[in-house]
């Protein structure tokens, strides 16, 4: 039995075509639900990434439903590791499951590292993405951020130099989005990781209207 205040994700299977991906979900009563997209398979890591765990804990603790998943060919997910279109299809399947489970018509998406490529493609294709958060984004051109059409949050470590800070800041400003720089942290947030969770939870509360 789950006690009050405990955090317990439930294992779930996400169908995509004839295969299934592994995922974990957490219930919540607030909107929007949060989909967490892991790093790209060729970067290594998956839904068990420490940043993903921090995001779902912070979101669920604030009352928002969550879903995180492993792309096909990663962890216990079936199939072979894919590239851009296949990764987008994986995210679309996870998005659909989260919307159905939460009984929602819109959701927020948070990505890790190169998963920003997948998250940006998902947002460009689906109006149901009502908020986009890129945590330590990589493998994207900063100017692409200026084309995001929903509320945008980018979280970077102060010591993360993979994307030029000035260009990222200027692109975000053109969308009316927010940039959160975590002091004394690199791209893996080995320091001050809880600040990332707090920033994302606060962003979700803004999206929910309070």
Foldseek 3Di string as FASTA:
>chain_A
DDDPPDDDWAWDWFDQPPWTWIKTKDAFQFDDAEEEFEAQVVVDDACPQPLNVLQCVLQVSLGHMYMGTGQDCPDPTHDNRDDQVSSLSRSVRRVVVSCVVNVHQAHEYEYAECCVSSQLVNQVVDVSHQEYEYELYAPDALLSLLPRAHAYEYEAEPAEPRYPPVSNVVSCVNNVYYYHYHYPAHSSCPDPSNVVNVVSNVVRCVVRPD
